[in-house]
PDB file of N, CA and C in Angstrom:
ATOM      1  N   GLY A   1       0.893  -1.123  -0.223  1.00  0.00           N
ATOM      2  CA  GLY A   1       0.042   0.012  -0.121  1.00  0.00           C
ATOM      3  C   GLY A   1       0.813   1.261   0.207  1.00  0.00           C
ATOM      4  N   ASN A   2       2.248   0.912   0.069  1.00  0.00           N
ATOM      5  CA  ASN A   2       3.178   2.265  -0.035  1.00  0.00           C
ATOM      6  C   ASN A   2       3.614   2.479  -1.359  1.00  0.00           C
ATOM      7  N   VAL A   3       3.498   3.896  -1.756  1.00  0.00           N
ATOM      8  CA  VAL A   3       3.850   4.271  -3.044  1.00  0.00           C
ATOM      9  C   VAL A   3       5.433   4.751  -2.943  1.00  0.00           C
ATOM     10  N   LEU A   4       6.328   3.684  -3.910  1.00  0.00           N
ATOM     11  CA  LEU A   4       7.521   3.894  -3.742  1.00  0.00           C
ATOM     12  C   LEU A   4       8.105   4.722  -4.880  1.00  0.00           C
ATOM     13  N   ASP A   5       7.411   5.137  -5.988  1.00  0.00           N
ATOM     14  CA  ASP A   5       7.913   5.923  -6.836  1.00  0.00           C
ATOM     15  C   ASP A   5       6.810   6.587  -7.745  1.00  0.00           C
ATOM     16  N   ARG A   6       6.717   7.749  -8.134  1.00  0.00           N
ATOM     17  CA  ARG A   6       5.868   8.178  -9.163  1.00  0.00           C
ATOM     18  C   ARG A   6       6.337   9.225  -9.945  1.00  0.00           C
ATOM     19  N   GLU A   7       5.993   9.066 -11.412  1.00  0.00           N
ATOM     20  CA  GLU A   7       6.430  10.100 -12.352  1.00  0.00           C
ATOM     21  C   GLU A   7       5.572  10.652 -13.294  1.00  0.00           C
ATOM     22  N   MET A   8       5.385  11.847 -13.282  1.00  0.00           N
ATOM     23  CA  MET A   8       4.376  12.500 -14.041  1.00  0.00           C
ATOM     24  C   MET A   8       5.155  13.006 -15.675  1.00  0.00           C
ATOM     25  N   ARG A   9       4.170  13.009 -16.862  1.00  0.00           N
ATOM     26  CA  ARG A   9       4.490  13.628 -17.694  1.00  0.00           C
ATOM     27  C   ARG A   9       3.210  14.469 -18.365  1.00  0.00           C
ATOM     28  N   GLU A  10       3.720  15.621 -18.856  1.00  0.00           N
ATOM     29  CA  GLU A  10       2.408  16.367 -19.394  1.00  0.00           C
ATOM     30  C   GLU A  10       2.640  15.913 -21.062  1.00  0.00           C
ATOM     31  N   PHE A  11       1.337  16.042 -21.314  1.00  0.00           N
ATOM     32  CA  PHE A  11       0.887  15.910 -22.944  1.00  0.00           C
ATOM     33  C   PHE A  11      -0.400  16.586 -23.632  1.00  0.00           C
ATOM     34  N   ARG A  12      -0.478  16.687 -24.706  1.00  0.00           N
ATOM     35  CA  ARG A  12      -1.286  18.032 -25.202  1.00  0.00           C
ATOM     36  C   ARG A  12      -1.904  17.085 -26.367  1.00  0.00           C
ATOM     37  N   LEU A  13      -3.243  17.195 -26.189  1.00  0.00           N
ATOM     38  CA  LEU A  13      -4.290  16.733 -27.232  1.00  0.00           C
ATOM     39  C   LEU A  13      -4.208  17.492 -28.216  1.00  0.00           C
ATOM     40  N   GLY A  14      -3.996  17.220 -29.475  1.00  0.00           N
ATOM     41  CA  GLY A  14      -4.181  18.090 -30.653  1.00  0.00           C
ATOM     42  C   GLY A  14      -2.719  18.387 -31.473  1.00  0.00           C
ATOM     43  N   ILE A  15      -3.059  18.958 -32.540  1.00  0.00           N
ATOM     44  CA  ILE A  15      -2.052  18.895 -33.424  1.00  0.00           C
ATOM     45  C   ILE A  15      -1.657  20.544 -33.805  1.00  0.00           C
ATOM     46  N   SER A  16      -0.543  20.584 -33.300  1.00  0.00           N
ATOM     47  CA  SER A  16       0.020  22.262 -33.555  1.00  0.00           C
ATOM     48  C   SER A  16       0.835  22.216 -34.884  1.00  0.00           C
ATOM     49  N   SER A  17       0.273  22.835 -35.856  1.00  0.00           N
ATOM     50  CA  SER A  17       1.004  22.532 -37.332  1.00  0.00           C
ATOM     51  C   SER A  17       0.286  23.979 -38.012  1.00  0.00           C
ATOM     52  N   GLY A  18       1.225  24.538 -38.629  1.00  0.00           N
ATOM     53  CA  GLY A  18       1.009  25.638 -39.742  1.00  0.00           C
ATOM     54  C   GLY A  18       1.720  25.576 -40.961  1.00  0.00           C
ATOM     55  N   ARG A  19       1.391  26.553 -41.828  1.00  0.00           N
ATOM     56  CA  ARG A  19       2.148  26.481 -43.147  1.00  0.00           C
ATOM     57  C   ARG A  19       1.972  27.960 -43.904  1.00  0.00           C
ATOM     58  N   ILE A  20       2.966  28.426 -44.348  1.00  0.00           N
ATOM     59  CA  ILE A  20       2.904  29.577 -45.147  1.00  0.00           C
ATOM     60  C   ILE A  20       2.373  29.387 -46.475  1.00  0.00           C
ATOM     61  N   THR A  21       1.023  29.866 -46.768  1.00  0.00           N
ATOM     62  CA  THR A  21       0.306  29.480 -48.164  1.00  0.00           C
ATOM     63  C   THR A  21       0.829  30.420 -49.081  1.00  0.00           C
ATOM     64  N   SER A  22       1.266  31.892 -48.670  1.00  0.00           N
ATOM     65  CA  SER A  22       1.564  33.012 -49.616  1.00  0.00           C
ATOM     66  C   SER A  22       2.496  33.650 -49.182  1.00  0.00           C
ATOM     67  N   PHE A  23       3.463  34.121 -50.202  1.00  0.00           N
ATOM     68  CA  PHE A  23       4.770  34.997 -49.829  1.00  0.00           C
ATOM     69  C   PHE A  23       5.219  35.494 -51.067  1.00  0.00           C
ATOM     70  N   THR A  24       5.319  36.864 -51.113  1.00  0.00           N
ATOM     71  CA  THR A  24       5.761  37.662 -52.370  1.00  0.00           C
ATOM     72  C   THR A  24       6.466  38.817 -51.918  1.00  0.00           C
ATOM     73  N   ALA A  25       7.186  39.236 -52.782  1.00  0.00           N
ATOM     74  CA  ALA A  25       8.025  40.833 -52.780  1.00  0.00           C
ATOM     75  C   ALA A  25       7.971  41.203 -53.892  1.00  0.00           C
ATOM     76  N   THR A  26       7.501  42.452 -53.775  1.00  0.00           N
ATOM     77  CA  THR A  26       7.402  43.386 -55.051  1.00  0.00           C
ATOM     78  C   THR A  26       7.982  44.738 -55.132  1.00  0.00           C
ATOM     79  N   PRO A  27       8.811  45.084 -55.766  1.00  0.00           N
ATOM     80  CA  PRO A  27       9.263  44.608 -57.329  1.00  0.00           C
ATOM     81  C   PRO A  27      10.452  43.761 -57.033  1.00  0.00           C
ATOM     82  N   GLU A  28      10.608  42.827 -57.965  1.00  0.00           N
ATOM     83  CA  GLU A  28      11.603  41.795 -58.065  1.00  0.00           C
ATOM     84  C   GLU A  28      13.088  42.408 -58.230  1.00  0.00           C
ATOM     85  N   TYR A  29      12.884  43.461 -59.096  1.00  0.00           N
ATOM     86  CA  TYR A  29      14.232  44.211 -59.205  1.00  0.00           C
ATOM     87  C   TYR A  29      14.047  45.321 -58.878  1.00  0.00           C
ATOM     88  N   PHE A  30      14.957  46.295 -58.340  1.00  0.00           N
ATOM     89  CA  PHE A  30      14.833  47.500 -57.685  1.00  0.00           C
ATOM     90  C   PHE A  30      16.264  48.234 -57.800  1.00  0.00           C
ATOM     91  N   ASP A  31      16.080  49.508 -57.642  1.00  0.00           N
ATOM     92  CA  ASP A  31      17.491  50.400 -57.569  1.00  0.00           C
ATOM     93  C   ASP A  31      17.208  50.763 -55.933  1.00  0.00           C
ATOM     94  N   PRO A  32      18.565  51.067 -55.311  1.00  0.00           N
ATOM     95  CA  PRO A  32      18.394  51.403 -54.006  1.00  0.00           C
ATOM     96  C   PRO A  32      17.363  52.737 -53.757  1.00  0.00           C
ATOM     97  N   GLY A  33      16.895  52.646 -52.872  1.00  0.00           N
ATOM     98  CA  GLY A  33      15.895  53.714 -52.541  1.00  0.00           C
ATOM     99  C   GLY A  33      14.500  53.434 -52.760  1.00  0.00           C
ATOM    100  N   HIS A  34      14.251  52.475 -53.462  1.00  0.00           N
ATOM    101  CA  HIS A  34      12.857  51.901 -53.582  1.00  0.00           C
ATOM    102  C   HIS A  34      12.420  51.205 -52.508  1.00  0.00           C
ATOM    103  N   ASN A  35      11.307  51.310 -52.426  1.00  0.00           N
ATOM    104  CA  ASN A  35      10.575  50.281 -51.338  1.00  0.00           C
ATOM    105  C   ASN A  35      10.158  49.025 -52.102  1.00  0.00           C
ATOM    106  N   ILE A  36      10.385  47.855 -51.167  1.00  0.00           N
ATOM    107  CA  ILE A  36       9.897  46.512 -51.737  1.00  0.00           C
ATOM    108  C   ILE A  36       8.736  46.381 -50.463  1.00  0.00           C
ATOM    109  N   THR A  37       7.647  45.698 -51.200  1.00  0.00           N
ATOM    110  CA  THR A  37       6.554  45.297 -50.402  1.00  0.00           C
ATOM    111  C   THR A  37       6.653  43.728 -50.334  1.00  0.00           C
ATOM    112  N   ILE A  38       6.473  43.466 -49.162  1.00  0.00           N
ATOM    113  CA  ILE A  38       6.696  41.994 -48.815  1.00  0.00           C
ATOM    114  C   ILE A  38       5.182  41.724 -47.930  1.00  0.00           C
ATOM    115  N   ASN A  39       4.817  40.769 -48.532  1.00  0.00           N
ATOM    116  CA  ASN A  39       3.336  40.066 -48.119  1.00  0.00           C
ATOM    117  C   ASN A  39       3.600  38.468 -47.699  1.00  0.00           C
ATOM    118  N   MET A  40       2.968  38.145 -46.459  1.00  0.00           N
ATOM    119  CA  MET A  40       3.294  36.969 -46.164  1.00  0.00           C
ATOM    120  C   MET A  40       1.739  35.993 -45.625  1.00  0.00           C
ATOM    121  N   THR A  41       1.356  35.146 -45.924  1.00  0.00           N
ATOM    122  CA  THR A  41       0.149  34.712 -45.360  1.00  0.00           C
ATOM    123  C   THR A  41       0.546  33.464 -44.605  1.00  0.00           C
ATOM    124  N   PHE A  42       0.169  33.154 -43.363  1.00  0.00           N
ATOM    125  CA  PHE A  42       0.214  31.871 -42.448  1.00  0.00           C
ATOM    126  C   PHE A  42      -1.195  31.502 -42.341  1.00  0.00           C
ATOM    127  N   ASN A  43      -1.444  29.921 -42.362  1.00  0.00           N
ATOM    128  CA  ASN A  43      -2.629  29.355 -42.366  1.00  0.00           C
ATOM    129  C   ASN A  43      -2.107  28.404 -40.913  1.00  0.00           C
ATOM    130  N   ASN A  44      -3.054  28.177 -40.029  1.00  0.00           N
ATOM    131  CA  ASN A  44      -3.278  27.242 -39.001  1.00  0.00           C
ATOM    132  C   ASN A  44      -3.689  25.692 -39.570  1.00  0.00           C
ATOM    133  N   THR A  45      -2.791  25.064 -39.773  1.00  0.00           N
ATOM    134  CA  THR A  45      -3.337  23.592 -40.360  1.00  0.00           C
ATOM    135  C   THR A  45      -3.543  22.457 -39.386  1.00  0.00           C
ATOM    136  N   GLY A  46      -3.162  22.899 -38.037  1.00  0.00           N
ATOM    137  CA  GLY A  46      -3.426  21.962 -37.055  1.00  0.00           C
ATOM    138  C   GLY A  46      -4.853  21.996 -36.431  1.00  0.00           C
ATOM    139  N   THR A  47      -5.135  21.295 -35.269  1.00  0.00           N
ATOM    140  CA  THR A  47      -6.322  21.209 -34.606  1.00  0.00           C
ATOM    141  C   THR A  47      -6.273  22.028 -33.436  1.00  0.00           C
ATOM    142  N   VAL A  48      -5.389  22.758 -32.927  1.00  0.00           N
ATOM    143  CA  VAL A  48      -5.359  23.599 -31.841  1.00  0.00           C
ATOM    144  C   VAL A  48      -5.000  24.938 -32.093  1.00  0.00           C
ATOM    145  N   ASN A  49      -5.228  25.848 -31.074  1.00  0.00           N
ATOM    146  CA  ASN A  49      -4.640  27.406 -31.611  1.00  0.00           C
ATOM    147  C   ASN A  49      -3.580  27.330 -31.498  1.00  0.00           C
ATOM    148  N   ILE A  50      -2.956  28.457 -32.408  1.00  0.00           N
ATOM    149  CA  ILE A  50      -1.749  28.606 -32.435  1.00  0.00           C
ATOM    150  C   ILE A  50      -1.254  30.199 -31.762  1.00  0.00           C
ATOM    151  N   THR A  51      -0.115  30.122 -31.048  1.00  0.00           N
ATOM    152  CA  THR A  51       0.446  31.350 -30.534  1.00  0.00           C
ATOM    153  C   THR A  51       2.075  31.276 -30.814  1.00  0.00           C
ATOM    154  N   GLY A  52       2.547  32.254 -31.267  1.00  0.00           N
ATOM    155  CA  GLY A  52       3.923  32.177 -31.584  1.00  0.00           C
ATOM    156  C   GLY A  52       4.296  33.572 -32.192  1.00  0.00           C
ATOM    157  N   THR A  53       5.693  33.357 -33.267  1.00  0.00           N
ATOM    158  CA  THR A  53       6.041  34.590 -33.954  1.00  0.00           C
ATOM    159  C   THR A  53       6.262  34.240 -35.431  1.00  0.00           C
ATOM    160  N   ALA A  54       5.941  35.088 -36.325  1.00  0.00           N
ATOM    161  CA  ALA A  54       6.269  35.178 -37.680  1.00  0.00           C
ATOM    162  C   ALA A  54       7.635  36.066 -38.045  1.00  0.00           C
ATOM    163  N   VAL A  55       8.490  35.720 -38.698  1.00  0.00           N
ATOM    164  CA  VAL A  55       9.471  36.341 -38.851  1.00  0.00           C
ATOM    165  C   VAL A  55       9.651  36.720 -40.597  1.00  0.00           C
ATOM    166  N   ILE A  56       9.993  37.584 -41.099  1.00  0.00           N
ATOM    167  CA  ILE A  56      10.261  37.838 -42.352  1.00  0.00           C
ATOM    168  C   ILE A  56      11.848  38.705 -42.316  1.00  0.00           C
ATOM    169  N   LYS A  57      12.819  37.796 -42.947  1.00  0.00           N
ATOM    170  CA  LYS A  57      14.280  38.261 -43.106  1.00  0.00           C
ATOM    171  C   LYS A  57      14.545  38.634 -44.323  1.00  0.00           C
ATOM    172  N   VAL A  58      15.429  39.767 -44.581  1.00  0.00           N
ATOM    173  CA  VAL A  58      15.725  40.032 -45.970  1.00  0.00           C
ATOM    174  C   VAL A  58      17.349  39.791 -45.772  1.00  0.00           C
ATOM    175  N   LEU A  59      17.550  38.770 -46.502  1.00  0.00           N
ATOM    176  CA  LEU A  59      19.230  38.641 -46.405  1.00  0.00           C
ATOM    177  C   LEU A  59      20.044  38.837 -47.542  1.00  0.00           C
ATOM    178  N   ASN A  60      21.390  39.502 -47.269  1.00  0.00           N
ATOM    179  CA  ASN A  60      22.242  39.690 -48.345  1.00  0.00           C
ATOM    180  C   ASN A  60      22.957  38.636 -48.995  1.00  0.00           C
ATOM    181  N   SER A  61      23.803  38.870 -50.062  1.00  0.00           N
ATOM    182  CA  SER A  61      24.206  37.835 -50.719  1.00  0.00           C
ATOM    183  C   SER A  61      25.249  37.024 -49.787  1.00  0.00           C
ATOM    184  N   THR A  62      25.664  37.491 -48.581  1.00  0.00           N
ATOM    185  CA  THR A  62      26.699  36.628 -47.874  1.00  0.00           C
ATOM    186  C   THR A  62      25.693  35.724 -46.645  1.00  0.00           C
ATOM    187  N   GLY A  63      24.232  36.047 -46.835  1.00  0.00           N
ATOM    188  CA  GLY A  63      23.569  35.673 -46.011  1.00  0.00           C
ATOM    189  C   GLY A  63      23.229  36.318 -44.448  1.00  0.00           C
ATOM    190  N   ASP A  64      23.726  37.397 -44.420  1.00  0.00           N
ATOM    191  CA  ASP A  64      23.668  38.369 -43.291  1.00  0.00           C
ATOM    192  C   ASP A  64      22.123  38.970 -43.220  1.00  0.00           C
ATOM    193  N   ALA A  65      21.345  39.355 -42.265  1.00  0.00           N
ATOM    194  CA  ALA A  65      20.190  39.986 -42.113  1.00  0.00           C
ATOM    195  C   ALA A  65      20.497  41.641 -42.767  1.00  0.00           C
ATOM    196  N   ALA A  66      19.825  41.894 -43.687  1.00  0.00           N
ATOM    197  CA  ALA A  66      19.946  43.215 -43.874  1.00  0.00           C
ATOM    198  C   ALA A  66      18.637  43.929 -43.247  1.00  0.00           C
ATOM    199  N   GLU A  67      17.644  43.374 -43.151  1.00  0.00           N
ATOM    200  CA  GLU A  67      16.560  44.077 -42.424  1.00  0.00           C
ATOM    201  C   GLU A  67      15.631  42.617 -41.817  1.00  0.00           C
ATOM    202  N   GLU A  68      15.042  42.912 -40.775  1.00  0.00           N
ATOM    203  CA  GLU A  68      14.023  41.915 -40.332  1.00  0.00           C
ATOM    204  C   GLU A  68      12.785  42.287 -39.642  1.00  0.00           C
ATOM    205  N   PHE A  69      11.638  41.705 -40.038  1.00  0.00           N
ATOM    206  CA  PHE A  69      10.283  42.160 -39.529  1.00  0.00           C
ATOM    207  C   PHE A  69       9.825  40.961 -38.572  1.00  0.00           C
ATOM    208  N   MET A  70       9.126  41.351 -37.593  1.00  0.00           N
ATOM    209  CA  MET A  70       8.601  40.172 -36.438  1.00  0.00           C
ATOM    210  C   MET A  70       7.358  40.720 -36.225  1.00  0.00           C
ATOM    211  N   HIS A  71       6.659  39.304 -36.282  1.00  0.00           N
ATOM    212  CA  HIS A  71       5.024  39.662 -36.075  1.00  0.00           C
ATOM    213  C   HIS A  71       4.470  38.723 -34.941  1.00  0.00           C
ATOM    214  N   THR A  72       3.697  39.316 -34.158  1.00  0.00           N
ATOM    215  CA  THR A  72       3.267  38.395 -32.950  1.00  0.00           C
ATOM    216  C   THR A  72       1.772  37.490 -33.632  1.00  0.00           C
ATOM    217  N   ILE A  73       1.721  36.345 -33.255  1.00  0.00           N
ATOM    218  CA  ILE A  73       0.629  35.194 -33.643  1.00  0.00           C
ATOM    219  C   ILE A  73       0.057  34.919 -32.405  1.00  0.00           C
ATOM    220  N   THR A  74      -1.259  35.426 -32.035  1.00  0.00           N
ATOM    221  CA  THR A  74      -1.711  35.177 -30.939  1.00  0.00           C
ATOM    222  C   THR A  74      -3.138  34.113 -30.832  1.00  0.00           C
ATOM    223  N   ASP A  75      -3.214  33.057 -30.643  1.00  0.00           N
ATOM    224  CA  ASP A  75      -4.445  32.289 -30.805  1.00  0.00           C
ATOM    225  C   ASP A  75      -5.157  32.203 -32.010  1.00  0.00           C
ATOM    226  N   LEU A  76      -4.211  31.896 -33.101  1.00  0.00           N
ATOM    227  CA  LEU A  76      -4.716  31.871 -34.222  1.00  0.00           C
ATOM    228  C   LEU A  76      -5.533  30.431 -34.361  1.00  0.00           C
ATOM    229  N   ILE A  77      -6.713  30.802 -34.541  1.00  0.00           N
ATOM    230  CA  ILE A  77      -7.735  29.469 -34.762  1.00  0.00           C
ATOM    231  C   ILE A  77      -7.507  28.550 -35.903  1.00  0.00           C
ATOM    232  N   SER A  78      -7.800  27.063 -35.739  1.00  0.00           N
ATOM    233  CA  SER A  78      -7.633  26.158 -36.585  1.00  0.00           C
ATOM    234  C   SER A  78      -8.035  26.394 -38.014  1.00  0.00           C
ATOM    235  N   SER A  79      -7.569  26.362 -39.143  1.00  0.00           N
ATOM    236  CA  SER A  79      -7.925  26.800 -40.484  1.00  0.00           C
ATOM    237  C   SER A  79      -8.214  28.105 -40.784  1.00  0.00           C
ATOM    238  N   GLU A  80      -7.592  28.883 -39.861  1.00  0.00           N
ATOM    239  CA  GLU A  80      -7.612  30.331 -40.197  1.00  0.00           C
ATOM    240  C   GLU A  80      -6.218  30.840 -40.714  1.00  0.00           C
ATOM    241  N   ASN A  81      -6.254  31.997 -41.419  1.00  0.00           N
ATOM    242  CA  ASN A  81      -5.252  32.526 -41.816  1.00  0.00           C
ATOM    243  C   ASN A  81      -4.886  33.873 -41.259  1.00  0.00           C
ATOM    244  N   LEU A  82      -3.780  34.139 -41.243  1.00  0.00           N
ATOM    245  CA  LEU A  82      -3.079  35.441 -40.764  1.00  0.00           C
ATOM    246  C   LEU A  82      -2.278  36.138 -41.681  1.00  0.00           C
ATOM    247  N   SER A  83      -2.290  37.292 -42.399  1.00  0.00           N
ATOM    248  CA  SER A  83      -1.544  37.875 -43.182  1.00  0.00           C
ATOM    249  C   SER A  83      -0.493  39.256 -42.508  1.00  0.00           C
ATOM    250  N   PHE A  84       0.344  39.164 -43.149  1.00  0.00           N
ATOM    251  CA  PHE A  84       1.622  40.124 -42.749  1.00  0.00           C
ATOM    252  C   PHE A  84       1.985  41.133 -44.024  1.00  0.00           C
ATOM    253  N   SER A  85       1.977  42.226 -43.835  1.00  0.00           N
ATOM    254  CA  SER A  85       2.782  43.119 -44.989  1.00  0.00           C
ATOM    255  C   SER A  85       3.701  43.995 -44.454  1.00  0.00           C
ATOM    256  N   ASP A  86       4.709  44.020 -44.819  1.00  0.00           N
ATOM    257  CA  ASP A  86       5.819  44.932 -44.667  1.00  0.00           C
ATOM    258  C   ASP A  86       6.575  45.526 -45.773  1.00  0.00           C
ATOM    259  N   THR A  87       7.015  46.942 -45.505  1.00  0.00           N
ATOM    260  CA  THR A  87       7.971  47.479 -46.381  1.00  0.00           C
ATOM    261  C   THR A  87       9.126  47.777 -46.117  1.00  0.00           C
ATOM    262  N   TRP A  88      10.277  47.161 -46.983  1.00  0.00           N
ATOM    263  CA  TRP A  88      11.481  47.484 -46.789  1.00  0.00           C
ATOM    264  C   TRP A  88      11.896  48.479 -47.641  1.00  0.00           C
ATOM    265  N   ASN A  89      12.380  49.613 -46.913  1.00  0.00           N
ATOM    266  CA  ASN A  89      13.011  50.702 -47.382  1.00  0.00           C
ATOM    267  C   ASN A  89      14.567  50.398 -48.003  1.00  0.00           C
ATOM    268  N   THR A  90      14.774  50.302 -49.173  1.00  0.00           N
ATOM    269  CA  THR A  90      16.091  49.807 -49.722  1.00  0.00           C
ATOM    270  C   THR A  90      17.216  51.097 -49.797  1.00  0.00           C
ATOM    271  N   SER A  91      17.020  52.180 -49.319  1.00  0.00           N
ATOM    272  CA  SER A  91      17.609  53.302 -49.016  1.00  0.00           C
ATOM    273  C   SER A  91      19.007  52.899 -48.269  1.00  0.00           C
ATOM    274  N   GLY A  92      20.126  53.301 -48.906  1.00  0.00           N
ATOM    275  CA  GLY A  92      21.536  53.002 -48.781  1.00  0.00           C
ATOM    276  C   GLY A  92      21.814  51.561 -48.653  1.00  0.00           C
ATOM    277  N   VAL A  93      21.034  50.827 -49.228  1.00  0.00           N
ATOM    278  CA  VAL A  93      21.759  49.211 -49.239  1.00  0.00           C
ATOM    279  C   VAL A  93      22.679  49.287 -50.456  1.00  0.00           C
ATOM    280  N   GLU A  94      23.452  47.892 -50.473  1.00  0.00           N
ATOM    281  CA  GLU A  94      24.449  47.849 -51.289  1.00  0.00           C
ATOM    282  C   GLU A  94      23.837  47.108 -52.581  1.00  0.00           C
ATOM    283  N   GLU A  95      24.308  47.401 -53.741  1.00  0.00           N
ATOM    284  CA  GLU A  95      24.147  46.628 -54.851  1.00  0.00           C
ATOM    285  C   GLU A  95      24.303  44.877 -54.598  1.00  0.00           C
ATOM    286  N   GLY A  96      23.539  44.311 -55.516  1.00  0.00           N
ATOM    287  CA  GLY A  96      23.751  42.669 -55.368  1.00  0.00           C
ATOM    288  C   GLY A  96      22.451  42.215 -55.081  1.00  0.00           C
ATOM    289  N   SER A  97      22.284  40.953 -54.571  1.00  0.00           N
ATOM    290  CA  SER A  97      21.180  39.811 -54.772  1.00  0.00           C
ATOM    291  C   SER A  97      20.916  39.728 -53.253  1.00  0.00           C
ATOM    292  N   TYR A  98      19.722  39.789 -53.178  1.00  0.00           N
ATOM    293  CA  TYR A  98      18.865  39.528 -51.847  1.00  0.00           C
ATOM    294  C   TYR A  98      17.941  38.539 -51.905  1.00  0.00           C
ATOM    295  N   ASN A  99      17.706  38.012 -50.746  1.00  0.00           N
ATOM    296  CA  ASN A  99      16.568  36.939 -50.718  1.00  0.00           C
ATOM    297  C   ASN A  99      15.795  37.209 -49.305  1.00  0.00           C
ATOM    298  N   ILE A 100      14.555  36.722 -49.308  1.00  0.00           N
ATOM    299  CA  ILE A 100      13.740  37.080 -48.434  1.00  0.00           C
ATOM    300  C   ILE A 100      13.076  35.821 -47.982  1.00  0.00           C
ATOM    301  N   CYS A 101      13.429  35.668 -46.573  1.00  0.00           N
ATOM    302  CA  CYS A 101      12.805  34.292 -45.978  1.00  0.00           C
ATOM    303  C   CYS A 101      11.687  34.733 -45.131  1.00  0.00           C
ATOM    304  N   GLY A 102      10.600  33.784 -45.113  1.00  0.00           N
ATOM    305  CA  GLY A 102       9.694  33.858 -44.119  1.00  0.00           C
ATOM    306  C   GLY A 102       9.588  32.673 -43.281  1.00  0.00           C
ATOM    307  N   LEU A 103       9.618  32.959 -42.052  1.00  0.00           N
ATOM    308  CA  LEU A 103       9.624  31.825 -40.985  1.00  0.00           C
ATOM    309  C   LEU A 103       8.686  31.888 -39.884  1.00  0.00           C
ATOM    310  N   CYS A 104       7.967  30.985 -39.298  1.00  0.00           N
ATOM    311  CA  CYS A 104       6.933  31.268 -38.207  1.00  0.00           C
ATOM    312  C   CYS A 104       7.395  30.235 -37.118  1.00  0.00           C
ATOM    313  N   PHE A 105       7.544  30.496 -35.898  1.00  0.00           N
ATOM    314  CA  PHE A 105       7.808  29.697 -34.610  1.00  0.00           C
ATOM    315  C   PHE A 105       6.494  29.678 -33.757  1.00  0.00           C
ATOM    316  N   VAL A 106       6.180  28.334 -33.435  1.00  0.00           N
ATOM    317  CA  VAL A 106       5.027  28.510 -32.491  1.00  0.00           C
ATOM    318  C   VAL A 106       5.443  27.656 -31.210  1.00  0.00           C
TER     319      VAL A 106
END
């Protein structure tokens, strides 16, 4: 009748999952000083609400971040979308190739 040992584990019912469904940056070619419009849409593809952070990074040719935009995701309902729109002002940037990367952390 004596408890000699006990261990507990926490678990969660439901699936936490999401997907970037749309990601654009326009214009594709630009001169320094022009604004680049970046749009990203994130969809909750899981079965539970999602809270986290969406990050859009502009990376230069060496992979360093030239600009970064962060957005809070709060209780995004299953099957719902959340859209983000940012403007990158390219004044003062060096000529060369840039990549834009969208990430979502939950």
